[in-house]
């Protein structure tokens, strides 16, 4: 029946145009893309912050004299911005790199500090992380304290939507960690109360809706969760410890990367889509043209292998000893 309807529609269109219709325009071919990943390689004595492109090392961000890690990257035009830290011999210093050179340090080295998430919009570089007890948001090098510093806090992820900058992470109330979202440098809401430990690892914004992913402890187990605004729209059943590290929304679909009972998984709209590995962490996920890309590591203890998966299958091994923390898909011009 469907074929008959389609043929009839085509004939009707030809009659209406006096047989002058041209051949239908073929659909555009999918654009070629480059796959960028940030993380670290520890094949030597120290962790070296690195960027990979299409499975091959693009450049080292640090020399390997001191430990360093790249946690997040963002590609803007021909420039690659990366956020992370480098140890200065005493403390960890939060840093941003542009391409293969250091752009600036965000912290003084007085306290341990980390740049965990970077986002470039309107030629401004936004970075989220922590410095000492403070959850921090930086606009270029200008810092905003998201918290008072009374208790430990950490901004783990950020997303820029128009003029709004959203940040997600946690703040301790003195006894428990509370998952929180900030907007334009001020607390928007707490996702959890103070009765259980919780953390927000990832934030993704579509229009006016804010999707936040993380976990909340419930009794003896940790439950992976995704909130849409303040409402829980995904959670595991609590039978096994579970965590969400990345959330990505494509159209009406909510994709989640995390682990349950130690197994690395991807869920789509609440249903398990793939199992990636038995042990490790899937830190970052991007959905492009229907394909699901995940970056993280497989293994445990000292045997950590940095990897990228595509649609549930291993795409690249990036480092035999290391971790992949962030993935970015950039369309080629």
C-alpha atoms as a PDB file:
ATOM      1  CA  UNK A   1       0.000   0.000   0.000  1.00  0.00           C
ATOM      2  CA  UNK A   2       2.771   2.443   0.822  1.00  0.00           C
ATOM      3  CA  UNK A   3       4.407   1.961  -2.602  1.00  0.00           C
ATOM      4  CA  UNK A   4       1.121   2.674  -4.372  1.00  0.00           C
ATOM      5  CA  UNK A   5       0.668   5.914  -2.421  1.00  0.00           C
ATOM      6  CA  UNK A   6       4.173   7.091  -3.223  1.00  0.00           C
ATOM      7  CA  UNK A   7       3.853   6.380  -6.946  1.00  0.00           C
ATOM      8  CA  UNK A   8       0.481   8.094  -7.074  1.00  0.00           C
ATOM      9  CA  UNK A   9       1.879  11.184  -5.425  1.00  0.00           C
ATOM     10  CA  UNK A  10       4.732  11.333  -7.926  1.00  0.00           C
ATOM     11  CA  UNK A  11       2.385  11.081 -10.910  1.00  0.00           C
ATOM     12  CA  UNK A  12       0.111  13.777  -9.500  1.00  0.00           C
ATOM     13  CA  UNK A  13       3.051  16.124  -9.090  1.00  0.00           C
ATOM     14  CA  UNK A  14       4.146  15.603 -12.718  1.00  0.00           C
ATOM     15  CA  UNK A  15       0.644  16.346 -14.042  1.00  0.00           C
ATOM     16  CA  UNK A  16       0.377  19.490 -11.947  1.00  0.00           C
ATOM     17  CA  UNK A  17       3.621  20.881 -13.395  1.00  0.00           C
ATOM     18  CA  UNK A  18       2.953  19.913 -17.032  1.00  0.00           C
ATOM     19  CA  UNK A  19       5.754  17.334 -16.967  1.00  0.00           C
ATOM     20  CA  UNK A  20       8.306  20.116 -16.395  1.00  0.00           C
ATOM     21  CA  UNK A  21       9.458  18.979 -12.974  1.00  0.00           C
ATOM     22  CA  UNK A  22      13.193  18.360 -12.602  1.00  0.00           C
ATOM     23  CA  UNK A  23      14.698  15.368 -10.945  1.00  0.00           C
ATOM     24  CA  UNK A  24      14.340  15.509  -7.164  1.00  0.00           C
ATOM     25  CA  UNK A  25      17.294  17.019  -5.370  1.00  0.00           C
ATOM     26  CA  UNK A  26      19.245  14.207  -3.740  1.00  0.00           C
ATOM     27  CA  UNK A  27      19.790  14.502   0.014  1.00  0.00           C
ATOM     28  CA  UNK A  28      23.031  16.084   1.122  1.00  0.00           C
ATOM     29  CA  UNK A  29      25.758  13.614   1.898  1.00  0.00           C
ATOM     30  CA  UNK A  30      26.781  13.564   5.563  1.00  0.00           C
ATOM     31  CA  UNK A  31      29.603  15.968   6.211  1.00  0.00           C
ATOM     32  CA  UNK A  32      33.010  14.580   7.054  1.00  0.00           C
ATOM     33  CA  UNK A  33      33.983  15.069  10.668  1.00  0.00           C
ATOM     34  CA  UNK A  34      37.059  15.125  12.847  1.00  0.00           C
ATOM     35  CA  UNK A  35      37.000  13.443  16.238  1.00  0.00           C
ATOM     36  CA  UNK A  36      38.949  15.291  18.928  1.00  0.00           C
ATOM     37  CA  UNK A  37      39.678  13.769  22.327  1.00  0.00           C
ATOM     38  CA  UNK A  38      41.401  15.184  25.412  1.00  0.00           C
ATOM     39  CA  UNK A  39      42.928  13.194  28.244  1.00  0.00           C
ATOM     40  CA  UNK A  40      46.288  12.007  29.449  1.00  0.00           C
ATOM     41  CA  UNK A  41      48.934   9.403  28.680  1.00  0.00           C
ATOM     42  CA  UNK A  42      51.002   7.837  31.441  1.00  0.00           C
ATOM     43  CA  UNK A  43      53.363   5.590  29.543  1.00  0.00           C
ATOM     44  CA  UNK A  44      56.208   7.526  31.189  1.00  0.00           C
ATOM     45  CA  UNK A  45      56.804   8.448  34.804  1.00  0.00           C
ATOM     46  CA  UNK A  46      54.297  11.325  34.784  1.00  0.00           C
ATOM     47  CA  UNK A  47      50.864  11.954  33.312  1.00  0.00           C
ATOM     48  CA  UNK A  48      51.080  13.996  30.110  1.00  0.00           C
ATOM     49  CA  UNK A  49      48.039  16.052  29.075  1.00  0.00           C
ATOM     50  CA  UNK A  50      47.220  15.218  25.443  1.00  0.00           C
ATOM     51  CA  UNK A  51      44.891  15.883  22.552  1.00  0.00           C
ATOM     52  CA  UNK A  52      44.136  13.244  19.917  1.00  0.00           C
ATOM     53  CA  UNK A  53      42.503  13.737  16.528  1.00  0.00           C
ATOM     54  CA  UNK A  54      40.886  10.848  14.663  1.00  0.00           C
ATOM     55  CA  UNK A  55      42.631   8.314  16.854  1.00  0.00           C
ATOM     56  CA  UNK A  56      46.135   9.764  16.428  1.00  0.00           C
ATOM     57  CA  UNK A  57      48.073  11.979  18.812  1.00  0.00           C
ATOM     58  CA  UNK A  58      47.650  15.617  17.777  1.00  0.00           C
ATOM     59  CA  UNK A  59      49.930  17.140  20.404  1.00  0.00           C
ATOM     60  CA  UNK A  60      51.204  16.998  23.956  1.00  0.00           C
ATOM     61  CA  UNK A  61      50.031  19.905  26.080  1.00  0.00           C
ATOM     62  CA  UNK A  62      52.681  19.350  28.733  1.00  0.00           C
ATOM     63  CA  UNK A  63      56.275  18.156  28.768  1.00  0.00           C
ATOM     64  CA  UNK A  64      55.925  15.212  31.152  1.00  0.00           C
ATOM     65  CA  UNK A  65      58.137  16.773  33.830  1.00  0.00           C
ATOM     66  CA  UNK A  66      55.112  17.087  36.131  1.00  0.00           C
ATOM     67  CA  UNK A  67      51.740  15.353  36.244  1.00  0.00           C
ATOM     68  CA  UNK A  68      48.992  16.941  34.146  1.00  0.00           C
ATOM     69  CA  UNK A  69      45.592  15.998  32.763  1.00  0.00           C
ATOM     70  CA  UNK A  70      43.276  17.437  30.122  1.00  0.00           C
ATOM     71  CA  UNK A  71      39.657  17.158  31.234  1.00  0.00           C
ATOM     72  CA  UNK A  72      37.697  18.982  28.539  1.00  0.00           C
ATOM     73  CA  UNK A  73      38.051  20.361  25.024  1.00  0.00           C
ATOM     74  CA  UNK A  74      36.077  22.572  22.678  1.00  0.00           C
ATOM     75  CA  UNK A  75      36.777  23.219  19.003  1.00  0.00           C
ATOM     76  CA  UNK A  76      35.957  26.693  17.671  1.00  0.00           C
ATOM     77  CA  UNK A  77      36.820  27.144  14.009  1.00  0.00           C
ATOM     78  CA  UNK A  78      40.403  26.019  13.560  1.00  0.00           C
ATOM     79  CA  UNK A  79      41.276  26.413  17.244  1.00  0.00           C
ATOM     80  CA  UNK A  80      41.198  23.732  19.916  1.00  0.00           C
ATOM     81  CA  UNK A  81      40.691  24.876  23.523  1.00  0.00           C
ATOM     82  CA  UNK A  82      41.528  22.434  26.303  1.00  0.00           C
ATOM     83  CA  UNK A  83      41.052  22.695  30.074  1.00  0.00           C
ATOM     84  CA  UNK A  84      42.745  20.741  32.835  1.00  0.00           C
ATOM     85  CA  UNK A  85      45.534  21.050  35.351  1.00  0.00           C
ATOM     86  CA  UNK A  86      49.291  20.818  35.674  1.00  0.00           C
ATOM     87  CA  UNK A  87      51.148  20.155  38.903  1.00  0.00           C
ATOM     88  CA  UNK A  88      53.676  22.848  39.837  1.00  0.00           C
ATOM     89  CA  UNK A  89      55.677  20.719  42.246  1.00  0.00           C
ATOM     90  CA  UNK A  90      53.434  21.569  45.205  1.00  0.00           C
ATOM     91  CA  UNK A  91      49.845  21.969  44.014  1.00  0.00           C
ATOM     92  CA  UNK A  92      47.712  21.415  40.931  1.00  0.00           C
ATOM     93  CA  UNK A  93      47.213  24.562  38.844  1.00  0.00           C
ATOM     94  CA  UNK A  94      44.066  24.994  36.720  1.00  0.00           C
ATOM     95  CA  UNK A  95      44.997  25.792  33.124  1.00  0.00           C
ATOM     96  CA  UNK A  96      43.588  26.426  29.658  1.00  0.00           C
ATOM     97  CA  UNK A  97      45.482  25.622  26.465  1.00  0.00           C
ATOM     98  CA  UNK A  98      44.792  26.916  22.978  1.00  0.00           C
ATOM     99  CA  UNK A  99      45.955  24.479  20.331  1.00  0.00           C
ATOM    100  CA  UNK A 100      49.334  23.151  21.561  1.00  0.00           C
ATOM    101  CA  UNK A 101      50.300  26.131  23.752  1.00  0.00           C
ATOM    102  CA  UNK A 102      49.255  27.259  27.220  1.00  0.00           C
ATOM    103  CA  UNK A 103      46.740  30.105  26.971  1.00  0.00           C
ATOM    104  CA  UNK A 104      46.729  30.964  30.677  1.00  0.00           C
ATOM    105  CA  UNK A 105      46.708  29.626  34.216  1.00  0.00           C
ATOM    106  CA  UNK A 106      43.426  30.178  36.044  1.00  0.00           C
ATOM    107  CA  UNK A 107      44.790  29.705  39.552  1.00  0.00           C
ATOM    108  CA  UNK A 108      47.810  30.957  41.485  1.00  0.00           C
ATOM    109  CA  UNK A 109      48.968  27.624  42.878  1.00  0.00           C
ATOM    110  CA  UNK A 110      48.111  28.566  46.464  1.00  0.00           C
ATOM    111  CA  UNK A 111      45.510  25.783  46.536  1.00  0.00           C
ATOM    112  CA  UNK A 112      44.793  22.714  44.477  1.00  0.00           C
ATOM    113  CA  UNK A 113      42.719  23.820  41.491  1.00  0.00           C
ATOM    114  CA  UNK A 114      41.230  22.117  38.449  1.00  0.00           C
ATOM    115  CA  UNK A 115      39.615  23.298  35.215  1.00  0.00           C
ATOM    116  CA  UNK A 116      37.056  20.606  34.456  1.00  0.00           C
ATOM    117  CA  UNK A 117      34.948  21.972  31.606  1.00  0.00           C
ATOM    118  CA  UNK A 118      35.507  24.473  28.780  1.00  0.00           C
ATOM    119  CA  UNK A 119      33.014  26.071  26.379  1.00  0.00           C
ATOM    120  CA  UNK A 120      33.704  28.754  23.771  1.00  0.00           C
ATOM    121  CA  UNK A 121      30.949  31.168  22.720  1.00  0.00           C
ATOM    122  CA  UNK A 122      31.088  34.629  21.088  1.00  0.00           C
ATOM    123  CA  UNK A 123      34.898  34.569  21.202  1.00  0.00           C
ATOM    124  CA  UNK A 124      34.823  34.150  24.970  1.00  0.00           C
ATOM    125  CA  UNK A 125      36.306  31.166  26.767  1.00  0.00           C
ATOM    126  CA  UNK A 126      34.227  29.900  29.696  1.00  0.00           C
ATOM    127  CA  UNK A 127      35.750  27.414  32.113  1.00  0.00           C
ATOM    128  CA  UNK A 128      34.322  25.663  35.177  1.00  0.00           C
ATOM    129  CA  UNK A 129      36.139  23.909  37.989  1.00  0.00           C
ATOM    130  CA  UNK A 130      37.355  24.494  41.502  1.00  0.00           C
ATOM    131  CA  UNK A 131      40.041  26.365  43.425  1.00  0.00           C
ATOM    132  CA  UNK A 132      40.481  25.377  47.037  1.00  0.00           C
ATOM    133  CA  UNK A 133      36.990  25.006  48.525  1.00  0.00           C
ATOM    134  CA  UNK A 134      35.364  27.216  45.883  1.00  0.00           C
ATOM    135  CA  UNK A 135      33.374  26.048  42.878  1.00  0.00           C
ATOM    136  CA  UNK A 136      34.504  28.422  40.142  1.00  0.00           C
ATOM    137  CA  UNK A 137      33.384  29.823  36.818  1.00  0.00           C
ATOM    138  CA  UNK A 138      35.871  31.734  34.690  1.00  0.00           C
ATOM    139  CA  UNK A 139      35.066  33.985  31.725  1.00  0.00           C
ATOM    140  CA  UNK A 140      38.387  34.166  29.971  1.00  0.00           C
ATOM    141  CA  UNK A 141      40.587  34.808  33.056  1.00  0.00           C
ATOM    142  CA  UNK A 142      37.954  36.599  35.140  1.00  0.00           C
ATOM    143  CA  UNK A 143      36.761  34.385  38.000  1.00  0.00           C
ATOM    144  CA  UNK A 144      33.352  34.116  39.660  1.00  0.00           C
ATOM    145  CA  UNK A 145      32.928  32.205  42.897  1.00  0.00           C
ATOM    146  CA  UNK A 146      29.842  30.020  42.632  1.00  0.00           C
ATOM    147  CA  UNK A 147      29.991  29.180  46.326  1.00  0.00           C
ATOM    148  CA  UNK A 148      31.108  30.876  49.549  1.00  0.00           C
ATOM    149  CA  UNK A 149      34.085  28.626  50.211  1.00  0.00           C
ATOM    150  CA  UNK A 150      32.765  27.627  53.630  1.00  0.00           C
ATOM    151  CA  UNK A 151      32.476  24.025  52.470  1.00  0.00           C
ATOM    152  CA  UNK A 152      34.038  22.064  49.632  1.00  0.00           C
ATOM    153  CA  UNK A 153      32.410  22.560  46.235  1.00  0.00           C
ATOM    154  CA  UNK A 154      33.208  21.650  42.646  1.00  0.00           C
ATOM    155  CA  UNK A 155      31.833  22.783  39.275  1.00  0.00           C
ATOM    156  CA  UNK A 156      32.102  19.760  36.988  1.00  0.00           C
ATOM    157  CA  UNK A 157      30.381  20.831  33.755  1.00  0.00           C
ATOM    158  CA  UNK A 158      29.169  23.937  31.923  1.00  0.00           C
ATOM    159  CA  UNK A 159      27.009  24.793  28.945  1.00  0.00           C
ATOM    160  CA  UNK A 160      26.481  28.169  27.278  1.00  0.00           C
ATOM    161  CA  UNK A 161      23.049  28.797  25.731  1.00  0.00           C
ATOM    162  CA  UNK A 162      22.660  32.277  24.286  1.00  0.00           C
ATOM    163  CA  UNK A 163      23.443  34.750  27.046  1.00  0.00           C
ATOM    164  CA  UNK A 164      23.012  32.146  29.770  1.00  0.00           C
ATOM    165  CA  UNK A 165      25.871  30.175  31.285  1.00  0.00           C
ATOM    166  CA  UNK A 166      24.840  27.035  33.152  1.00  0.00           C
ATOM    167  CA  UNK A 167      27.153  25.166  35.503  1.00  0.00           C
ATOM    168  CA  UNK A 168      26.604  21.883  37.345  1.00  0.00           C
ATOM    169  CA  UNK A 169      28.445  20.209  40.183  1.00  0.00           C
ATOM    170  CA  UNK A 170      28.156  19.822  43.929  1.00  0.00           C
ATOM    171  CA  UNK A 171      28.511  21.687  47.200  1.00  0.00           C
ATOM    172  CA  UNK A 172      28.953  20.181  50.663  1.00  0.00           C
ATOM    173  CA  UNK A 173      26.647  21.317  53.423  1.00  0.00           C
ATOM    174  CA  UNK A 174      29.187  20.184  55.995  1.00  0.00           C
ATOM    175  CA  UNK A 175      28.055  16.579  56.134  1.00  0.00           C
ATOM    176  CA  UNK A 176      26.696  15.659  52.678  1.00  0.00           C
ATOM    177  CA  UNK A 177      27.377  16.622  49.050  1.00  0.00           C
ATOM    178  CA  UNK A 178      24.403  18.277  47.341  1.00  0.00           C
ATOM    179  CA  UNK A 179      24.046  18.236  43.525  1.00  0.00           C
ATOM    180  CA  UNK A 180      23.496  21.757  42.219  1.00  0.00           C
ATOM    181  CA  UNK A 181      22.996  23.856  39.092  1.00  0.00           C
ATOM    182  CA  UNK A 182      24.106  27.467  38.748  1.00  0.00           C
ATOM    183  CA  UNK A 183      22.989  30.009  36.125  1.00  0.00           C
ATOM    184  CA  UNK A 184      25.009  33.134  35.335  1.00  0.00           C
ATOM    185  CA  UNK A 185      27.137  32.558  38.407  1.00  0.00           C
ATOM    186  CA  UNK A 186      24.275  32.233  40.917  1.00  0.00           C
ATOM    187  CA  UNK A 187      22.648  29.104  42.274  1.00  0.00           C
ATOM    188  CA  UNK A 188      19.638  28.147  40.153  1.00  0.00           C
ATOM    189  CA  UNK A 189      18.551  25.183  42.246  1.00  0.00           C
ATOM    190  CA  UNK A 190      19.665  22.188  44.288  1.00  0.00           C
ATOM    191  CA  UNK A 191      18.772  18.880  42.668  1.00  0.00           C
ATOM    192  CA  UNK A 192      18.982  16.917  45.905  1.00  0.00           C
ATOM    193  CA  UNK A 193      18.440  17.595  49.584  1.00  0.00           C
ATOM    194  CA  UNK A 194      21.041  17.132  52.284  1.00  0.00           C
ATOM    195  CA  UNK A 195      19.945  13.620  53.317  1.00  0.00           C
ATOM    196  CA  UNK A 196      22.128  11.770  50.770  1.00  0.00           C
ATOM    197  CA  UNK A 197      25.438  12.363  49.018  1.00  0.00           C
ATOM    198  CA  UNK A 198      24.965  13.398  45.391  1.00  0.00           C
ATOM    199  CA  UNK A 199      26.928  14.841  42.486  1.00  0.00           C
ATOM    200  CA  UNK A 200      26.152  16.395  39.120  1.00  0.00           C
ATOM    201  CA  UNK A 201      28.717  15.478  36.466  1.00  0.00           C
ATOM    202  CA  UNK A 202      27.202  16.803  33.233  1.00  0.00           C
ATOM    203  CA  UNK A 203      24.829  19.528  32.047  1.00  0.00           C
ATOM    204  CA  UNK A 204      23.171  19.964  28.626  1.00  0.00           C
ATOM    205  CA  UNK A 205      20.709  22.707  27.689  1.00  0.00           C
ATOM    206  CA  UNK A 206      18.001  22.670  25.004  1.00  0.00           C
ATOM    207  CA  UNK A 207      15.922  25.830  24.807  1.00  0.00           C
ATOM    208  CA  UNK A 208      14.672  26.512  28.318  1.00  0.00           C
ATOM    209  CA  UNK A 209      15.235  22.945  29.509  1.00  0.00           C
ATOM    210  CA  UNK A 210      18.284  22.050  31.566  1.00  0.00           C
ATOM    211  CA  UNK A 211      19.337  18.378  31.635  1.00  0.00           C
ATOM    212  CA  UNK A 212      21.718  17.426  34.432  1.00  0.00           C
ATOM    213  CA  UNK A 213      23.275  14.022  35.039  1.00  0.00           C
ATOM    214  CA  UNK A 214      25.007  12.459  38.002  1.00  0.00           C
ATOM    215  CA  UNK A 215      24.075  10.244  40.925  1.00  0.00           C
ATOM    216  CA  UNK A 216      22.490  10.205  44.347  1.00  0.00           C
ATOM    217  CA  UNK A 217      23.202   7.742  47.144  1.00  0.00           C
ATOM    218  CA  UNK A 218      20.189   5.793  48.317  1.00  0.00           C
ATOM    219  CA  UNK A 219      20.748   3.508  51.274  1.00  0.00           C
ATOM    220  CA  UNK A 220      23.662   1.199  50.485  1.00  0.00           C
ATOM    221  CA  UNK A 221      23.761   1.926  46.736  1.00  0.00           C
ATOM    222  CA  UNK A 222      24.411   4.905  44.486  1.00  0.00           C
ATOM    223  CA  UNK A 223      21.656   5.548  41.921  1.00  0.00           C
ATOM    224  CA  UNK A 224      22.451   7.073  38.505  1.00  0.00           C
ATOM    225  CA  UNK A 225      20.103   9.939  37.673  1.00  0.00           C
ATOM    226  CA  UNK A 226      19.234  12.503  35.020  1.00  0.00           C
ATOM    227  CA  UNK A 227      17.135  15.531  35.877  1.00  0.00           C
ATOM    228  CA  UNK A 228      15.207  17.678  33.370  1.00  0.00           C
ATOM    229  CA  UNK A 229      15.100  20.967  35.165  1.00  0.00           C
ATOM    230  CA  UNK A 230      14.370  19.669  38.689  1.00  0.00           C
ATOM    231  CA  UNK A 231      12.423  16.543  37.707  1.00  0.00           C
ATOM    232  CA  UNK A 232      14.065  13.104  37.528  1.00  0.00           C
ATOM    233  CA  UNK A 233      13.611  11.691  34.010  1.00  0.00           C
ATOM    234  CA  UNK A 234      16.025   8.747  34.271  1.00  0.00           C
ATOM    235  CA  UNK A 235      17.326   6.646  37.108  1.00  0.00           C
ATOM    236  CA  UNK A 236      18.649   3.143  37.658  1.00  0.00           C
ATOM    237  CA  UNK A 237      16.795   0.723  39.895  1.00  0.00           C
ATOM    238  CA  UNK A 238      19.256   0.879  42.794  1.00  0.00           C
ATOM    239  CA  UNK A 239      20.145  -2.806  42.783  1.00  0.00           C
ATOM    240  CA  UNK A 240      23.747  -1.946  41.813  1.00  0.00           C
ATOM    241  CA  UNK A 241      25.939   1.100  42.255  1.00  0.00           C
ATOM    242  CA  UNK A 242      25.433   3.283  39.183  1.00  0.00           C
ATOM    243  CA  UNK A 243      26.673   6.658  37.959  1.00  0.00           C
ATOM    244  CA  UNK A 244      26.048   8.955  34.982  1.00  0.00           C
ATOM    245  CA  UNK A 245      29.029  10.886  33.619  1.00  0.00           C
ATOM    246  CA  UNK A 246      27.575  12.453  30.467  1.00  0.00           C
ATOM    247  CA  UNK A 247      24.162  13.392  29.090  1.00  0.00           C
ATOM    248  CA  UNK A 248      23.439  14.429  25.499  1.00  0.00           C
ATOM    249  CA  UNK A 249      20.077  15.416  24.040  1.00  0.00           C
ATOM    250  CA  UNK A 250      19.431  14.964  20.301  1.00  0.00           C
ATOM    251  CA  UNK A 251      15.952  15.955  19.188  1.00  0.00           C
ATOM    252  CA  UNK A 252      13.529  14.172  21.490  1.00  0.00           C
ATOM    253  CA  UNK A 253      16.080  11.584  22.575  1.00  0.00           C
ATOM    254  CA  UNK A 254      18.039  11.626  25.835  1.00  0.00           C
ATOM    255  CA  UNK A 255      21.319   9.701  25.701  1.00  0.00           C
ATOM    256  CA  UNK A 256      23.158   8.798  28.889  1.00  0.00           C
ATOM    257  CA  UNK A 257      26.677   7.417  29.387  1.00  0.00           C
ATOM    258  CA  UNK A 258      27.570   5.867  32.709  1.00  0.00           C
ATOM    259  CA  UNK A 259      28.195   2.631  34.493  1.00  0.00           C
ATOM    260  CA  UNK A 260      26.096   0.200  36.467  1.00  0.00           C
ATOM    261  CA  UNK A 261      27.590  -2.498  38.620  1.00  0.00           C
ATOM    262  CA  UNK A 262      30.970  -1.569  37.171  1.00  0.00           C
ATOM    263  CA  UNK A 263      29.824  -2.149  33.553  1.00  0.00           C
ATOM    264  CA  UNK A 264      30.139   0.798  31.136  1.00  0.00           C
ATOM    265  CA  UNK A 265      26.809   1.502  29.453  1.00  0.00           C
ATOM    266  CA  UNK A 266      24.889   3.841  27.179  1.00  0.00           C
ATOM    267  CA  UNK A 267      21.157   4.343  27.654  1.00  0.00           C
ATOM    268  CA  UNK A 268      18.681   5.991  25.291  1.00  0.00           C
ATOM    269  CA  UNK A 269      15.390   7.277  26.679  1.00  0.00           C
ATOM    270  CA  UNK A 270      15.785   5.097  29.734  1.00  0.00           C
ATOM    271  CA  UNK A 271      16.510   1.860  27.880  1.00  0.00           C
ATOM    272  CA  UNK A 272      19.946   0.257  27.741  1.00  0.00           C
ATOM    273  CA  UNK A 273      21.442   0.785  24.293  1.00  0.00           C
ATOM    274  CA  UNK A 274      25.002  -0.589  24.569  1.00  0.00           C
ATOM    275  CA  UNK A 275      27.436  -2.214  26.951  1.00  0.00           C
ATOM    276  CA  UNK A 276      30.920  -0.847  26.250  1.00  0.00           C
ATOM    277  CA  UNK A 277      33.213  -2.664  28.687  1.00  0.00           C
ATOM    278  CA  UNK A 278      33.193  -4.571  31.963  1.00  0.00           C
ATOM    279  CA  UNK A 279      35.351  -2.067  33.879  1.00  0.00           C
ATOM    280  CA  UNK A 280      36.269   1.587  33.492  1.00  0.00           C
ATOM    281  CA  UNK A 281      34.506   4.949  33.107  1.00  0.00           C
ATOM    282  CA  UNK A 282      32.746   6.507  30.083  1.00  0.00           C
ATOM    283  CA  UNK A 283      33.516  10.153  30.806  1.00  0.00           C
ATOM    284  CA  UNK A 284      32.150  11.942  27.745  1.00  0.00           C
ATOM    285  CA  UNK A 285      29.609  11.404  24.966  1.00  0.00           C
ATOM    286  CA  UNK A 286      28.553  13.118  21.732  1.00  0.00           C
ATOM    287  CA  UNK A 287      25.726  12.132  19.402  1.00  0.00           C
ATOM    288  CA  UNK A 288      26.259  13.195  15.774  1.00  0.00           C
ATOM    289  CA  UNK A 289      24.144  12.219  12.763  1.00  0.00           C
ATOM    290  CA  UNK A 290      22.647   9.335  14.715  1.00  0.00           C
ATOM    291  CA  UNK A 291      26.022   7.951  15.796  1.00  0.00           C
ATOM    292  CA  UNK A 292      26.946   7.732  19.459  1.00  0.00           C
ATOM    293  CA  UNK A 293      30.577   8.472  20.358  1.00  0.00           C
ATOM    294  CA  UNK A 294      31.915   7.848  23.859  1.00  0.00           C
ATOM    295  CA  UNK A 295      35.343   8.591  25.330  1.00  0.00           C
ATOM    296  CA  UNK A 296      36.731   7.121  28.529  1.00  0.00           C
ATOM    297  CA  UNK A 297      38.887   4.272  29.677  1.00  0.00           C
ATOM    298  CA  UNK A 298      38.666   0.536  30.085  1.00  0.00           C
ATOM    299  CA  UNK A 299      40.323  -1.340  32.953  1.00  0.00           C
ATOM    300  CA  UNK A 300      40.992  -0.817  36.613  1.00  0.00           C
ATOM    301  CA  UNK A 301      43.846  -0.022  38.965  1.00  0.00           C
ATOM    302  CA  UNK A 302      46.992   0.832  37.031  1.00  0.00           C
ATOM    303  CA  UNK A 303      45.789  -0.931  33.873  1.00  0.00           C
ATOM    304  CA  UNK A 304      43.786   1.941  32.358  1.00  0.00           C
ATOM    305  CA  UNK A 305      43.468   2.070  28.577  1.00  0.00           C
ATOM    306  CA  UNK A 306      42.168   5.300  26.981  1.00  0.00           C
ATOM    307  CA  UNK A 307      39.500   4.471  24.392  1.00  0.00           C
ATOM    308  CA  UNK A 308      36.791   5.800  22.098  1.00  0.00           C
ATOM    309  CA  UNK A 309      33.663   3.821  21.232  1.00  0.00           C
ATOM    310  CA  UNK A 310      31.251   4.405  18.354  1.00  0.00           C
ATOM    311  CA  UNK A 311      27.785   2.857  18.511  1.00  0.00           C
ATOM    312  CA  UNK A 312      28.871   0.438  21.186  1.00  0.00           C
ATOM    313  CA  UNK A 313      32.005  -0.806  19.398  1.00  0.00           C
ATOM    314  CA  UNK A 314      35.589   0.176  20.095  1.00  0.00           C
ATOM    315  CA  UNK A 315      36.720   2.789  17.569  1.00  0.00           C
ATOM    316  CA  UNK A 316      40.172   3.767  18.870  1.00  0.00           C
ATOM    317  CA  UNK A 317      42.664   2.815  21.530  1.00  0.00           C
ATOM    318  CA  UNK A 318      44.412   6.093  22.283  1.00  0.00           C
ATOM    319  CA  UNK A 319      46.861   5.150  25.025  1.00  0.00           C
ATOM    320  CA  UNK A 320      47.729   1.850  26.672  1.00  0.00           C
ATOM    321  CA  UNK A 321      48.090   3.704  29.962  1.00  0.00           C
ATOM    322  CA  UNK A 322      45.827   6.692  30.282  1.00  0.00           C
ATOM    323  CA  UNK A 323      42.326   8.120  30.209  1.00  0.00           C
ATOM    324  CA  UNK A 324      40.176   9.897  27.629  1.00  0.00           C
ATOM    325  CA  UNK A 325      38.126  12.562  29.405  1.00  0.00           C
ATOM    326  CA  UNK A 326      36.407  14.556  26.670  1.00  0.00           C
ATOM    327  CA  UNK A 327      35.271  14.098  23.067  1.00  0.00           C
ATOM    328  CA  UNK A 328      34.250  16.702  20.487  1.00  0.00           C
ATOM    329  CA  UNK A 329      32.974  16.148  16.937  1.00  0.00           C
ATOM    330  CA  UNK A 330      33.858  18.966  14.512  1.00  0.00           C
ATOM    331  CA  UNK A 331      32.493  19.143  10.995  1.00  0.00           C
ATOM    332  CA  UNK A 332      35.096  19.751   8.322  1.00  0.00           C
ATOM    333  CA  UNK A 333      34.654  22.961   6.280  1.00  0.00           C
END
